[in-house]
Amino acid sequence: MSHISIKRTHHSSLAEATKTADRMAAKLARDYQLRSQWDGNVLHFDRSGLNGTLVVTVNDIQVDVKLGLLMAAFKGPLQAAVERELDALIVPPASGKAAAPATKPASKAAAKPRAAQSKSR
């Protein structure tokens, strides 16, 4: 039996993280015909050849999937789909620091061509 385990930290309230997990579960249910049921902050899901849980805590979302023999052949695409959904739905923390690194390399890149131009003259 093959296993997928993915954990992502979220920066939302528990209620918002649960809503995020519910949206992800709904999309995966449509795409992969999963049946699911919430039990507190744990979403149990299954389909033929696959079962697992999605646990929402105050700090993170943990997805554990057990794949049967036939579904194990699809482990890579299934894991990529779950990771893509989690990464798309989890909102990064609001911080002004994220913008600073993005602008710094651009200014260095702009300075290099001027230095190269003055050397070539």
PDB file of N, CA and C in Angstrom:
ATOM      1  N   MET A   1       0.841  -1.183   0.000  1.00  0.00           N
ATOM      2  CA  MET A   1       0.000   0.000   0.000  1.00  0.00           C
ATOM      3  C   MET A   1       0.884   1.242   0.000  1.00  0.00           C
ATOM      4  N   SER A   2       0.568   2.190  -0.836  1.00  0.00           N
ATOM      5  CA  SER A   2       1.320   3.429  -0.960  1.00  0.00           C
ATOM      6  C   SER A   2       0.668   4.512  -0.105  1.00  0.00           C
ATOM      7  N   HIS A   3       1.470   5.485   0.321  1.00  0.00           N
ATOM      8  CA  HIS A   3       0.971   6.515   1.234  1.00  0.00           C
ATOM      9  C   HIS A   3       1.431   7.896   0.772  1.00  0.00           C
ATOM     10  N   ILE A   4       0.531   8.871   0.879  1.00  0.00           N
ATOM     11  CA  ILE A   4       0.839  10.275   0.606  1.00  0.00           C
ATOM     12  C   ILE A   4       0.589  11.038   1.898  1.00  0.00           C
ATOM     13  N   SER A   5       1.545  11.861   2.297  1.00  0.00           N
ATOM     14  CA  SER A   5       1.388  12.687   3.484  1.00  0.00           C
ATOM     15  C   SER A   5       1.885  14.089   3.153  1.00  0.00           C
ATOM     16  N   ILE A   6       0.994  15.066   3.289  1.00  0.00           N
ATOM     17  CA  ILE A   6       1.328  16.455   2.949  1.00  0.00           C
ATOM     18  C   ILE A   6       0.877  17.343   4.100  1.00  0.00           C
ATOM     19  N   LYS A   7       1.750  18.237   4.522  1.00  0.00           N
ATOM     20  CA  LYS A   7       1.421  19.158   5.605  1.00  0.00           C
ATOM     21  C   LYS A   7       1.770  20.567   5.163  1.00  0.00           C
ATOM     22  N   ARG A   8       0.845  21.480   5.331  1.00  0.00           N
ATOM     23  CA  ARG A   8       1.072  22.882   4.990  1.00  0.00           C
ATOM     24  C   ARG A   8       0.667  23.762   6.171  1.00  0.00           C
ATOM     25  N   THR A   9       1.498  24.733   6.469  1.00  0.00           N
ATOM     26  CA  THR A   9       1.182  25.709   7.502  1.00  0.00           C
ATOM     27  C   THR A   9       0.247  26.753   6.904  1.00  0.00           C
ATOM     28  N   HIS A  10      -0.754  27.131   7.678  1.00  0.00           N
ATOM     29  CA  HIS A  10      -1.644  28.199   7.229  1.00  0.00           C
ATOM     30  C   HIS A  10      -1.538  29.362   8.210  1.00  0.00           C
ATOM     31  N   HIS A  11      -1.970  30.525   7.780  1.00  0.00           N
ATOM     32  CA  HIS A  11      -1.887  31.729   8.597  1.00  0.00           C
ATOM     33  C   HIS A  11      -3.266  32.337   8.768  1.00  0.00           C
ATOM     34  N   SER A  12      -4.263  31.460   8.846  1.00  0.00           N
ATOM     35  CA  SER A  12      -5.653  31.880   8.984  1.00  0.00           C
ATOM     36  C   SER A  12      -6.187  31.421  10.325  1.00  0.00           C
ATOM     37  N   SER A  13      -7.403  31.846  10.621  1.00  0.00           N
ATOM     38  CA  SER A  13      -8.072  31.324  11.804  1.00  0.00           C
ATOM     39  C   SER A  13      -8.456  29.871  11.532  1.00  0.00           C
ATOM     40  N   LEU A  14      -8.780  29.150  12.563  1.00  0.00           N
ATOM     41  CA  LEU A  14      -9.190  27.753  12.402  1.00  0.00           C
ATOM     42  C   LEU A  14     -10.434  27.660  11.520  1.00  0.00           C
ATOM     43  N   ALA A  15     -11.377  28.585  11.696  1.00  0.00           N
ATOM     44  CA  ALA A  15     -12.605  28.582  10.890  1.00  0.00           C
ATOM     45  C   ALA A  15     -12.287  28.812   9.409  1.00  0.00           C
ATOM     46  N   GLU A  16     -11.403  29.781   9.115  1.00  0.00           N
ATOM     47  CA  GLU A  16     -11.025  30.049   7.718  1.00  0.00           C
ATOM     48  C   GLU A  16     -10.248  28.875   7.114  1.00  0.00           C
ATOM     49  N   ALA A  17      -9.367  28.280   7.902  1.00  0.00           N
ATOM     50  CA  ALA A  17      -8.609  27.126   7.410  1.00  0.00           C
ATOM     51  C   ALA A  17      -9.540  25.948   7.117  1.00  0.00           C
ATOM     52  N   THR A  18     -10.562  25.785   7.934  1.00  0.00           N
ATOM     53  CA  THR A  18     -11.541  24.718   7.706  1.00  0.00           C
ATOM     54  C   THR A  18     -12.317  24.980   6.422  1.00  0.00           C
ATOM     55  N   LYS A  19     -12.680  26.236   6.179  1.00  0.00           N
ATOM     56  CA  LYS A  19     -13.360  26.587   4.926  1.00  0.00           C
ATOM     57  C   LYS A  19     -12.455  26.302   3.727  1.00  0.00           C
ATOM     58  N   THR A  20     -11.172  26.629   3.871  1.00  0.00           N
ATOM     59  CA  THR A  20     -10.193  26.355   2.813  1.00  0.00           C
ATOM     60  C   THR A  20     -10.120  24.857   2.540  1.00  0.00           C
ATOM     61  N   ALA A  21     -10.029  24.074   3.593  1.00  0.00           N
ATOM     62  CA  ALA A  21      -9.959  22.614   3.455  1.00  0.00           C
ATOM     63  C   ALA A  21     -11.230  22.077   2.811  1.00  0.00           C
ATOM     64  N   ASP A  22     -12.364  22.654   3.157  1.00  0.00           N
ATOM     65  CA  ASP A  22     -13.643  22.215   2.587  1.00  0.00           C
ATOM     66  C   ASP A  22     -13.704  22.518   1.090  1.00  0.00           C
ATOM     67  N   ARG A  23     -13.192  23.700   0.681  1.00  0.00           N
ATOM     68  CA  ARG A  23     -13.161  24.037  -0.748  1.00  0.00           C
ATOM     69  C   ARG A  23     -12.249  23.077  -1.513  1.00  0.00           C
ATOM     70  N   MET A  24     -11.099  22.779  -0.910  1.00  0.00           N
ATOM     71  CA  MET A  24     -10.183  21.843  -1.554  1.00  0.00           C
ATOM     72  C   MET A  24     -10.822  20.462  -1.679  1.00  0.00           C
ATOM     73  N   ALA A  25     -11.468  20.014  -0.618  1.00  0.00           N
ATOM     74  CA  ALA A  25     -12.106  18.698  -0.634  1.00  0.00           C
ATOM     75  C   ALA A  25     -13.217  18.642  -1.681  1.00  0.00           C
ATOM     76  N   ALA A  26     -13.962  19.717  -1.827  1.00  0.00           N
ATOM     77  CA  ALA A  26     -15.037  19.752  -2.821  1.00  0.00           C
ATOM     78  C   ALA A  26     -14.472  19.636  -4.233  1.00  0.00           C
ATOM     79  N   LYS A  27     -13.380  20.344  -4.509  1.00  0.00           N
ATOM     80  CA  LYS A  27     -12.772  20.264  -5.845  1.00  0.00           C
ATOM     81  C   LYS A  27     -12.207  18.873  -6.106  1.00  0.00           C
ATOM     82  N   LEU A  28     -11.502  18.319  -5.133  1.00  0.00           N
ATOM     83  CA  LEU A  28     -10.961  16.975  -5.317  1.00  0.00           C
ATOM     84  C   LEU A  28     -12.081  15.937  -5.422  1.00  0.00           C
ATOM     85  N   ALA A  29     -13.197  16.169  -4.731  1.00  0.00           N
ATOM     86  CA  ALA A  29     -14.345  15.253  -4.831  1.00  0.00           C
ATOM     87  C   ALA A  29     -14.889  15.265  -6.260  1.00  0.00           C
ATOM     88  N   ARG A  30     -14.981  16.457  -6.845  1.00  0.00           N
ATOM     89  CA  ARG A  30     -15.459  16.551  -8.234  1.00  0.00           C
ATOM     90  C   ARG A  30     -14.467  15.893  -9.198  1.00  0.00           C
ATOM     91  N   ASP A  31     -13.188  16.165  -9.000  1.00  0.00           N
ATOM     92  CA  ASP A  31     -12.168  15.672  -9.921  1.00  0.00           C
ATOM     93  C   ASP A  31     -11.900  14.178  -9.784  1.00  0.00           C
ATOM     94  N   TYR A  32     -12.004  13.657  -8.557  1.00  0.00           N
ATOM     95  CA  TYR A  32     -11.619  12.266  -8.302  1.00  0.00           C
ATOM     96  C   TYR A  32     -12.740  11.414  -7.695  1.00  0.00           C
ATOM     97  N   GLN A  33     -13.969  11.927  -7.698  1.00  0.00           N
ATOM     98  CA  GLN A  33     -15.135  11.200  -7.202  1.00  0.00           C
ATOM     99  C   GLN A  33     -14.945  10.708  -5.758  1.00  0.00           C
ATOM    100  N   LEU A  34     -14.456  11.588  -4.898  1.00  0.00           N
ATOM    101  CA  LEU A  34     -14.259  11.239  -3.495  1.00  0.00           C
ATOM    102  C   LEU A  34     -15.531  11.468  -2.705  1.00  0.00           C
ATOM    103  N   ARG A  35     -15.806  10.567  -1.786  1.00  0.00           N
ATOM    104  CA  ARG A  35     -16.876  10.761  -0.807  1.00  0.00           C
ATOM    105  C   ARG A  35     -16.197  11.265   0.455  1.00  0.00           C
ATOM    106  N   SER A  36     -16.809  12.219   1.124  1.00  0.00           N
ATOM    107  CA  SER A  36     -16.159  12.761   2.320  1.00  0.00           C
ATOM    108  C   SER A  36     -17.183  13.093   3.397  1.00  0.00           C
ATOM    109  N   GLN A  37     -16.665  13.138   4.642  1.00  0.00           N
ATOM    110  CA  GLN A  37     -17.512  13.450   5.783  1.00  0.00           C
ATOM    111  C   GLN A  37     -16.660  14.079   6.876  1.00  0.00           C
ATOM    112  N   TRP A  38     -17.116  15.216   7.409  1.00  0.00           N
ATOM    113  CA  TRP A  38     -16.404  15.894   8.486  1.00  0.00           C
ATOM    114  C   TRP A  38     -16.732  15.243   9.813  1.00  0.00           C
ATOM    115  N   ASP A  39     -15.735  15.125  10.675  1.00  0.00           N
ATOM    116  CA  ASP A  39     -15.885  14.687  12.063  1.00  0.00           C
ATOM    117  C   ASP A  39     -15.050  15.659  12.891  1.00  0.00           C
ATOM    118  N   GLY A  40     -15.670  16.740  13.338  1.00  0.00           N
ATOM    119  CA  GLY A  40     -14.933  17.812  14.002  1.00  0.00           C
ATOM    120  C   GLY A  40     -14.053  18.517  12.993  1.00  0.00           C
ATOM    121  N   ASN A  41     -12.749  18.565  13.244  1.00  0.00           N
ATOM    122  CA  ASN A  41     -11.799  19.202  12.325  1.00  0.00           C
ATOM    123  C   ASN A  41     -11.081  18.189  11.447  1.00  0.00           C
ATOM    124  N   VAL A  42     -11.648  16.989  11.354  1.00  0.00           N
ATOM    125  CA  VAL A  42     -11.059  15.935  10.530  1.00  0.00           C
ATOM    126  C   VAL A  42     -12.040  15.570   9.423  1.00  0.00           C
ATOM    127  N   LEU A  43     -11.567  15.671   8.193  1.00  0.00           N
ATOM    128  CA  LEU A  43     -12.364  15.265   7.048  1.00  0.00           C
ATOM    129  C   LEU A  43     -11.891  13.876   6.623  1.00  0.00           C
ATOM    130  N   HIS A  44     -12.795  12.911   6.683  1.00  0.00           N
ATOM    131  CA  HIS A  44     -12.495  11.557   6.222  1.00  0.00           C
ATOM    132  C   HIS A  44     -12.994  11.457   4.785  1.00  0.00           C
ATOM    133  N   PHE A  45     -12.179  10.907   3.891  1.00  0.00           N
ATOM    134  CA  PHE A  45     -12.607  10.761   2.506  1.00  0.00           C
ATOM    135  C   PHE A  45     -12.187   9.401   1.970  1.00  0.00           C
ATOM    136  N   ASP A  46     -12.932   8.956   0.959  1.00  0.00           N
ATOM    137  CA  ASP A  46     -12.592   7.675   0.344  1.00  0.00           C
ATOM    138  C   ASP A  46     -13.215   7.550  -1.029  1.00  0.00           C
ATOM    139  N   ARG A  47     -12.755   6.572  -1.731  1.00  0.00           N
ATOM    140  CA  ARG A  47     -13.288   6.112  -3.002  1.00  0.00           C
ATOM    141  C   ARG A  47     -12.663   4.744  -3.220  1.00  0.00           C
ATOM    142  N   SER A  48     -13.035   4.064  -4.220  1.00  0.00           N
ATOM    143  CA  SER A  48     -12.478   2.751  -4.478  1.00  0.00           C
ATOM    144  C   SER A  48     -10.959   2.856  -4.638  1.00  0.00           C
ATOM    145  N   GLY A  49     -10.209   2.143  -3.800  1.00  0.00           N
ATOM    146  CA  GLY A  49      -8.755   2.126  -3.902  1.00  0.00           C
ATOM    147  C   GLY A  49      -8.032   3.252  -3.201  1.00  0.00           C
ATOM    148  N   LEU A  50      -8.759   4.075  -2.447  1.00  0.00           N
ATOM    149  CA  LEU A  50      -8.146   5.247  -1.822  1.00  0.00           C
ATOM    150  C   LEU A  50      -8.943   5.632  -0.585  1.00  0.00           C
ATOM    151  N   ASN A  51      -8.268   5.943   0.502  1.00  0.00           N
ATOM    152  CA  ASN A  51      -8.942   6.533   1.664  1.00  0.00           C
ATOM    153  C   ASN A  51      -7.949   7.400   2.407  1.00  0.00           C
ATOM    154  N   GLY A  52      -8.474   8.359   3.155  1.00  0.00           N
ATOM    155  CA  GLY A  52      -7.571   9.244   3.860  1.00  0.00           C
ATOM    156  C   GLY A  52      -8.278  10.229   4.754  1.00  0.00           C
ATOM    157  N   THR A  53      -7.469  11.109   5.316  1.00  0.00           N
ATOM    158  CA  THR A  53      -7.975  12.150   6.194  1.00  0.00           C
ATOM    159  C   THR A  53      -7.321  13.482   5.858  1.00  0.00           C
ATOM    160  N   LEU A  54      -8.039  14.539   6.164  1.00  0.00           N
ATOM    161  CA  LEU A  54      -7.543  15.900   6.060  1.00  0.00           C
ATOM    162  C   LEU A  54      -7.818  16.514   7.425  1.00  0.00           C
ATOM    163  N   VAL A  55      -6.767  16.834   8.158  1.00  0.00           N
ATOM    164  CA  VAL A  55      -6.894  17.354   9.515  1.00  0.00           C
ATOM    165  C   VAL A  55      -6.532  18.832   9.516  1.00  0.00           C
ATOM    166  N   VAL A  56      -7.433  19.641  10.065  1.00  0.00           N
ATOM    167  CA  VAL A  56      -7.204  21.085  10.167  1.00  0.00           C
ATOM    168  C   VAL A  56      -6.939  21.412  11.629  1.00  0.00           C
ATOM    169  N   THR A  57      -5.778  22.041  11.890  1.00  0.00           N
ATOM    170  CA  THR A  57      -5.466  22.498  13.244  1.00  0.00           C
ATOM    171  C   THR A  57      -5.293  24.011  13.217  1.00  0.00           C
ATOM    172  N   VAL A  58      -4.993  24.573  14.349  1.00  0.00           N
ATOM    173  CA  VAL A  58      -4.820  26.018  14.464  1.00  0.00           C
ATOM    174  C   VAL A  58      -3.677  26.509  13.571  1.00  0.00           C
ATOM    175  N   ASN A  59      -2.652  25.666  13.357  1.00  0.00           N
ATOM    176  CA  ASN A  59      -1.470  26.097  12.607  1.00  0.00           C
ATOM    177  C   ASN A  59      -1.308  25.487  11.227  1.00  0.00           C
ATOM    178  N   ASP A  60      -1.877  24.305  10.979  1.00  0.00           N
ATOM    179  CA  ASP A  60      -1.614  23.659   9.703  1.00  0.00           C
ATOM    180  C   ASP A  60      -2.756  22.774   9.219  1.00  0.00           C
ATOM    181  N   ILE A  61      -2.580  22.321   7.985  1.00  0.00           N
ATOM    182  CA  ILE A  61      -3.497  21.375   7.356  1.00  0.00           C
ATOM    183  C   ILE A  61      -2.654  20.161   6.977  1.00  0.00           C
ATOM    184  N   GLN A  62      -3.081  18.988   7.433  1.00  0.00           N
ATOM    185  CA  GLN A  62      -2.355  17.742   7.184  1.00  0.00           C
ATOM    186  C   GLN A  62      -3.249  16.816   6.368  1.00  0.00           C
ATOM    187  N   VAL A  63      -2.738  16.352   5.241  1.00  0.00           N
ATOM    188  CA  VAL A  63      -3.466  15.414   4.390  1.00  0.00           C
ATOM    189  C   VAL A  63      -2.702  14.095   4.377  1.00  0.00           C
ATOM    190  N   ASP A  64      -3.390  13.013   4.703  1.00  0.00           N
ATOM    191  CA  ASP A  64      -2.811  11.672   4.646  1.00  0.00           C
ATOM    192  C   ASP A  64      -3.717  10.811   3.789  1.00  0.00           C
ATOM    193  N   VAL A  65      -3.121  10.154   2.797  1.00  0.00           N
ATOM    194  CA  VAL A  65      -3.881   9.331   1.857  1.00  0.00           C
ATOM    195  C   VAL A  65      -3.230   7.958   1.762  1.00  0.00           C
ATOM    196  N   LYS A  66      -4.042   6.930   1.856  1.00  0.00           N
ATOM    197  CA  LYS A  66      -3.569   5.566   1.625  1.00  0.00           C
ATOM    198  C   LYS A  66      -4.125   5.112   0.287  1.00  0.00           C
ATOM    199  N   LEU A  67      -3.212   4.666  -0.568  1.00  0.00           N
ATOM    200  CA  LEU A  67      -3.595   4.236  -1.909  1.00  0.00           C
ATOM    201  C   LEU A  67      -3.534   2.712  -1.992  1.00  0.00           C
ATOM    202  N   GLY A  68      -4.559   2.137  -2.581  1.00  0.00           N
ATOM    203  CA  GLY A  68      -4.560   0.701  -2.822  1.00  0.00           C
ATOM    204  C   GLY A  68      -3.599   0.357  -3.948  1.00  0.00           C
ATOM    205  N   LEU A  69      -3.504  -0.917  -4.232  1.00  0.00           N
ATOM    206  CA  LEU A  69      -2.544  -1.407  -5.220  1.00  0.00           C
ATOM    207  C   LEU A  69      -2.710  -0.745  -6.585  1.00  0.00           C
ATOM    208  N   LEU A  70      -3.933  -0.677  -7.085  1.00  0.00           N
ATOM    209  CA  LEU A  70      -4.153  -0.090  -8.413  1.00  0.00           C
ATOM    210  C   LEU A  70      -3.972   1.430  -8.422  1.00  0.00           C
ATOM    211  N   MET A  71      -4.392   2.079  -7.351  1.00  0.00           N
ATOM    212  CA  MET A  71      -4.265   3.539  -7.282  1.00  0.00           C
ATOM    213  C   MET A  71      -2.820   3.990  -7.045  1.00  0.00           C
ATOM    214  N   ALA A  72      -1.981   3.107  -6.547  1.00  0.00           N
ATOM    215  CA  ALA A  72      -0.581   3.460  -6.288  1.00  0.00           C
ATOM    216  C   ALA A  72       0.125   3.911  -7.565  1.00  0.00           C
ATOM    217  N   ALA A  73      -0.335   3.430  -8.696  1.00  0.00           N
ATOM    218  CA  ALA A  73       0.252   3.842  -9.979  1.00  0.00           C
ATOM    219  C   ALA A  73       0.020   5.330 -10.251  1.00  0.00           C
ATOM    220  N   PHE A  74      -0.975   5.911  -9.601  1.00  0.00           N
ATOM    221  CA  PHE A  74      -1.311   7.327  -9.800  1.00  0.00           C
ATOM    222  C   PHE A  74      -0.827   8.207  -8.649  1.00  0.00           C
ATOM    223  N   LYS A  75       0.086   7.698  -7.833  1.00  0.00           N
ATOM    224  CA  LYS A  75       0.549   8.433  -6.652  1.00  0.00           C
ATOM    225  C   LYS A  75       1.105   9.806  -7.031  1.00  0.00           C
ATOM    226  N   GLY A  76       1.975   9.873  -8.012  1.00  0.00           N
ATOM    227  CA  GLY A  76       2.583  11.148  -8.401  1.00  0.00           C
ATOM    228  C   GLY A  76       1.560  12.198  -8.802  1.00  0.00           C
ATOM    229  N   PRO A  77       0.672  11.888  -9.761  1.00  0.00           N
ATOM    230  CA  PRO A  77      -0.330  12.880 -10.146  1.00  0.00           C
ATOM    231  C   PRO A  77      -1.291  13.253  -9.021  1.00  0.00           C
ATOM    232  N   LEU A  78      -1.658  12.280  -8.186  1.00  0.00           N
ATOM    233  CA  LEU A  78      -2.563  12.574  -7.073  1.00  0.00           C
ATOM    234  C   LEU A  78      -1.878  13.485  -6.056  1.00  0.00           C
ATOM    235  N   GLN A  79      -0.625  13.196  -5.722  1.00  0.00           N
ATOM    236  CA  GLN A  79       0.096  14.019  -4.772  1.00  0.00           C
ATOM    237  C   GLN A  79       0.271  15.430  -5.323  1.00  0.00           C
ATOM    238  N   ALA A  80       0.600  15.540  -6.595  1.00  0.00           N
ATOM    239  CA  ALA A  80       0.761  16.862  -7.211  1.00  0.00           C
ATOM    240  C   ALA A  80      -0.544  17.645  -7.183  1.00  0.00           C
ATOM    241  N   ALA A  81      -1.666  16.970  -7.425  1.00  0.00           N
ATOM    242  CA  ALA A  81      -2.971  17.643  -7.414  1.00  0.00           C
ATOM    243  C   ALA A  81      -3.310  18.159  -6.020  1.00  0.00           C
ATOM    244  N   VAL A  82      -3.062  17.360  -5.003  1.00  0.00           N
ATOM    245  CA  VAL A  82      -3.352  17.787  -3.634  1.00  0.00           C
ATOM    246  C   VAL A  82      -2.441  18.958  -3.255  1.00  0.00           C
ATOM    247  N   GLU A  83      -1.161  18.868  -3.570  1.00  0.00           N
ATOM    248  CA  GLU A  83      -0.236  19.962  -3.260  1.00  0.00           C
ATOM    249  C   GLU A  83      -0.626  21.244  -3.980  1.00  0.00           C
ATOM    250  N   ARG A  84      -1.008  21.125  -5.250  1.00  0.00           N
ATOM    251  CA  ARG A  84      -1.428  22.293  -6.033  1.00  0.00           C
ATOM    252  C   ARG A  84      -2.648  22.947  -5.390  1.00  0.00           C
ATOM    253  N   GLU A  85      -3.633  22.131  -5.017  1.00  0.00           N
ATOM    254  CA  GLU A  85      -4.845  22.675  -4.404  1.00  0.00           C
ATOM    255  C   GLU A  85      -4.546  23.362  -3.079  1.00  0.00           C
ATOM    256  N   LEU A  86      -3.751  22.731  -2.242  1.00  0.00           N
ATOM    257  CA  LEU A  86      -3.396  23.347  -0.960  1.00  0.00           C
ATOM    258  C   LEU A  86      -2.652  24.657  -1.167  1.00  0.00           C
ATOM    259  N   ASP A  87      -1.661  24.643  -2.033  1.00  0.00           N
ATOM    260  CA  ASP A  87      -0.860  25.847  -2.261  1.00  0.00           C
ATOM    261  C   ASP A  87      -1.683  26.980  -2.868  1.00  0.00           C
ATOM    262  N   ALA A  88      -2.652  26.643  -3.698  1.00  0.00           N
ATOM    263  CA  ALA A  88      -3.490  27.672  -4.319  1.00  0.00           C
ATOM    264  C   ALA A  88      -4.486  28.261  -3.327  1.00  0.00           C
ATOM    265  N   LEU A  89      -4.931  27.462  -2.366  1.00  0.00           N
ATOM    266  CA  LEU A  89      -5.972  27.917  -1.454  1.00  0.00           C
ATOM    267  C   LEU A  89      -5.444  28.555  -0.175  1.00  0.00           C
ATOM    268  N   ILE A  90      -4.260  28.173   0.254  1.00  0.00           N
ATOM    269  CA  ILE A  90      -3.727  28.723   1.496  1.00  0.00           C
ATOM    270  C   ILE A  90      -3.175  30.120   1.221  1.00  0.00           C
ATOM    271  N   VAL A  91      -3.691  31.072   1.959  1.00  0.00           N
ATOM    272  CA  VAL A  91      -3.301  32.470   1.787  1.00  0.00           C
ATOM    273  C   VAL A  91      -1.997  32.714   2.530  1.00  0.00           C
ATOM    274  N   PRO A  92      -0.983  33.252   1.844  1.00  0.00           N
ATOM    275  CA  PRO A  92       0.272  33.545   2.538  1.00  0.00           C
ATOM    276  C   PRO A  92       0.075  34.651   3.559  1.00  0.00           C
ATOM    277  N   PRO A  93       0.942  34.737   4.575  1.00  0.00           N
ATOM    278  CA  PRO A  93       0.788  35.784   5.586  1.00  0.00           C
ATOM    279  C   PRO A  93       0.967  37.159   4.976  1.00  0.00           C
ATOM    280  N   ALA A  94       0.200  38.112   5.464  1.00  0.00           N
ATOM    281  CA  ALA A  94       0.325  39.493   4.990  1.00  0.00           C
ATOM    282  C   ALA A  94       1.568  40.093   5.615  1.00  0.00           C
ATOM    283  N   SER A  95       2.476  40.563   4.754  1.00  0.00           N
ATOM    284  CA  SER A  95       3.721  41.137   5.257  1.00  0.00           C
ATOM    285  C   SER A  95       4.317  42.051   4.205  1.00  0.00           C
ATOM    286  N   GLY A  96       4.772  43.188   4.608  1.00  0.00           N
ATOM    287  CA  GLY A  96       5.426  44.104   3.689  1.00  0.00           C
ATOM    288  C   GLY A  96       6.813  43.621   3.301  1.00  0.00           C
ATOM    289  N   LYS A  97       7.366  42.666   4.066  1.00  0.00           N
ATOM    290  CA  LYS A  97       8.719  42.183   3.798  1.00  0.00           C
ATOM    291  C   LYS A  97       8.801  41.397   2.505  1.00  0.00           C
ATOM    292  N   ALA A  98       7.706  40.796   2.072  1.00  0.00           N
ATOM    293  CA  ALA A  98       7.735  39.974   0.860  1.00  0.00           C
ATOM    294  C   ALA A  98       8.026  40.821  -0.374  1.00  0.00           C
ATOM    295  N   ALA A  99       7.614  42.072  -0.373  1.00  0.00           N
ATOM    296  CA  ALA A  99       7.818  42.924  -1.543  1.00  0.00           C
ATOM    297  C   ALA A  99       9.270  43.376  -1.673  1.00  0.00           C
ATOM    298  N   ALA A 100       9.966  43.496  -0.562  1.00  0.00           N
ATOM    299  CA  ALA A 100      11.333  44.003  -0.601  1.00  0.00           C
ATOM    300  C   ALA A 100      12.280  43.119  -1.407  1.00  0.00           C
ATOM    301  N   PRO A 101      12.320  41.799  -1.188  1.00  0.00           N
ATOM    302  CA  PRO A 101      13.235  40.987  -1.990  1.00  0.00           C
ATOM    303  C   PRO A 101      12.913  41.018  -3.482  1.00  0.00           C
ATOM    304  N   ALA A 102      11.657  41.171  -3.838  1.00  0.00           N
ATOM    305  CA  ALA A 102      11.284  41.179  -5.252  1.00  0.00           C
ATOM    306  C   ALA A 102      11.823  42.421  -5.953  1.00  0.00           C
ATOM    307  N   THR A 103      11.884  43.552  -5.251  1.00  0.00           N
ATOM    308  CA  THR A 103      12.368  44.773  -5.892  1.00  0.00           C
ATOM    309  C   THR A 103      13.879  44.881  -5.858  1.00  0.00           C
ATOM    310  N   LYS A 104      14.521  44.288  -4.876  1.00  0.00           N
ATOM    311  CA  LYS A 104      15.975  44.389  -4.748  1.00  0.00           C
ATOM    312  C   LYS A 104      16.719  43.782  -5.934  1.00  0.00           C
ATOM    313  N   PRO A 105      16.406  42.526  -6.360  1.00  0.00           N
ATOM    314  CA  PRO A 105      17.117  41.988  -7.513  1.00  0.00           C
ATOM    315  C   PRO A 105      16.904  42.802  -8.786  1.00  0.00           C
ATOM    316  N   ALA A 106      15.734  43.394  -8.942  1.00  0.00           N
ATOM    317  CA  ALA A 106      15.471  44.186 -10.141  1.00  0.00           C
ATOM    318  C   ALA A 106      16.402  45.390 -10.190  1.00  0.00           C
ATOM    319  N   SER A 107      16.637  46.036  -9.039  1.00  0.00           N
ATOM    320  CA  SER A 107      17.516  47.205  -9.040  1.00  0.00           C
ATOM    321  C   SER A 107      18.962  46.800  -9.279  1.00  0.00           C
ATOM    322  N   LYS A 108      19.380  45.636  -8.779  1.00  0.00           N
ATOM    323  CA  LYS A 108      20.731  45.155  -9.056  1.00  0.00           C
ATOM    324  C   LYS A 108      20.896  44.849 -10.532  1.00  0.00           C
ATOM    325  N   ALA A 109      19.877  44.259 -11.113  1.00  0.00           N
ATOM    326  CA  ALA A 109      19.942  43.929 -12.542  1.00  0.00           C
ATOM    327  C   ALA A 109      20.037  45.196 -13.377  1.00  0.00           C
ATOM    328  N   ALA A 110      19.341  46.243 -12.948  1.00  0.00           N
ATOM    329  CA  ALA A 110      19.389  47.496 -13.686  1.00  0.00           C
ATOM    330  C   ALA A 110      20.760  48.153 -13.547  1.00  0.00           C
ATOM    331  N   ALA A 111      21.420  47.971 -12.407  1.00  0.00           N
ATOM    332  CA  ALA A 111      22.730  48.588 -12.194  1.00  0.00           C
ATOM    333  C   ALA A 111      23.810  47.893 -13.006  1.00  0.00           C
ATOM    334  N   LYS A 112      23.711  46.616 -13.207  1.00  0.00           N
ATOM    335  CA  LYS A 112      24.733  45.875 -13.936  1.00  0.00           C
ATOM    336  C   LYS A 112      24.881  46.324 -15.380  1.00  0.00           C
ATOM    337  N   PRO A 113      23.801  46.536 -16.119  1.00  0.00           N
ATOM    338  CA  PRO A 113      23.999  46.975 -17.510  1.00  0.00           C
ATOM    339  C   PRO A 113      24.694  48.331 -17.601  1.00  0.00           C
ATOM    340  N   ARG A 114      24.444  49.253 -16.692  1.00  0.00           N
ATOM    341  CA  ARG A 114      25.099  50.548 -16.732  1.00  0.00           C
ATOM    342  C   ARG A 114      26.596  50.393 -16.488  1.00  0.00           C
ATOM    343  N   ALA A 115      26.960  49.545 -15.553  1.00  0.00           N
ATOM    344  CA  ALA A 115      28.380  49.311 -15.279  1.00  0.00           C
ATOM    345  C   ALA A 115      29.032  48.673 -16.482  1.00  0.00           C
ATOM    346  N   ALA A 116      28.352  47.764 -17.112  1.00  0.00           N
ATOM    347  CA  ALA A 116      28.904  47.087 -18.298  1.00  0.00           C
ATOM    348  C   ALA A 116      29.053  48.078 -19.443  1.00  0.00           C
ATOM    349  N   GLN A 117      28.110  49.046 -19.563  1.00  0.00           N
ATOM    350  CA  GLN A 117      28.193  50.029 -20.633  1.00  0.00           C
ATOM    351  C   GLN A 117      29.381  50.956 -20.423  1.00  0.00           C
ATOM    352  N   SER A 118      29.640  51.350 -19.182  1.00  0.00           N
ATOM    353  CA  SER A 118      30.748  52.272 -18.959  1.00  0.00           C
ATOM    354  C   SER A 118      32.095  51.596 -19.172  1.00  0.00           C
ATOM    355  N   LYS A 119      32.185  50.288 -18.908  1.00  0.00           N
ATOM    356  CA  LYS A 119      33.432  49.557 -19.151  1.00  0.00           C
ATOM    357  C   LYS A 119      33.705  49.388 -20.637  1.00  0.00           C
ATOM    358  N   SER A 120      32.634  49.279 -21.419  1.00  0.00           N
ATOM    359  CA  SER A 120      32.824  49.037 -22.849  1.00  0.00           C
ATOM    360  C   SER A 120      33.208  50.325 -23.586  1.00  0.00           C
ATOM    361  N   ARG A 121      33.093  51.455 -22.978  1.00  0.00           N
ATOM    362  CA  ARG A 121      33.403  52.722 -23.666  1.00  0.00           C
ATOM    363  C   ARG A 121      34.810  53.082 -23.575  1.00  0.00           C
TER     364      ARG A 121
END
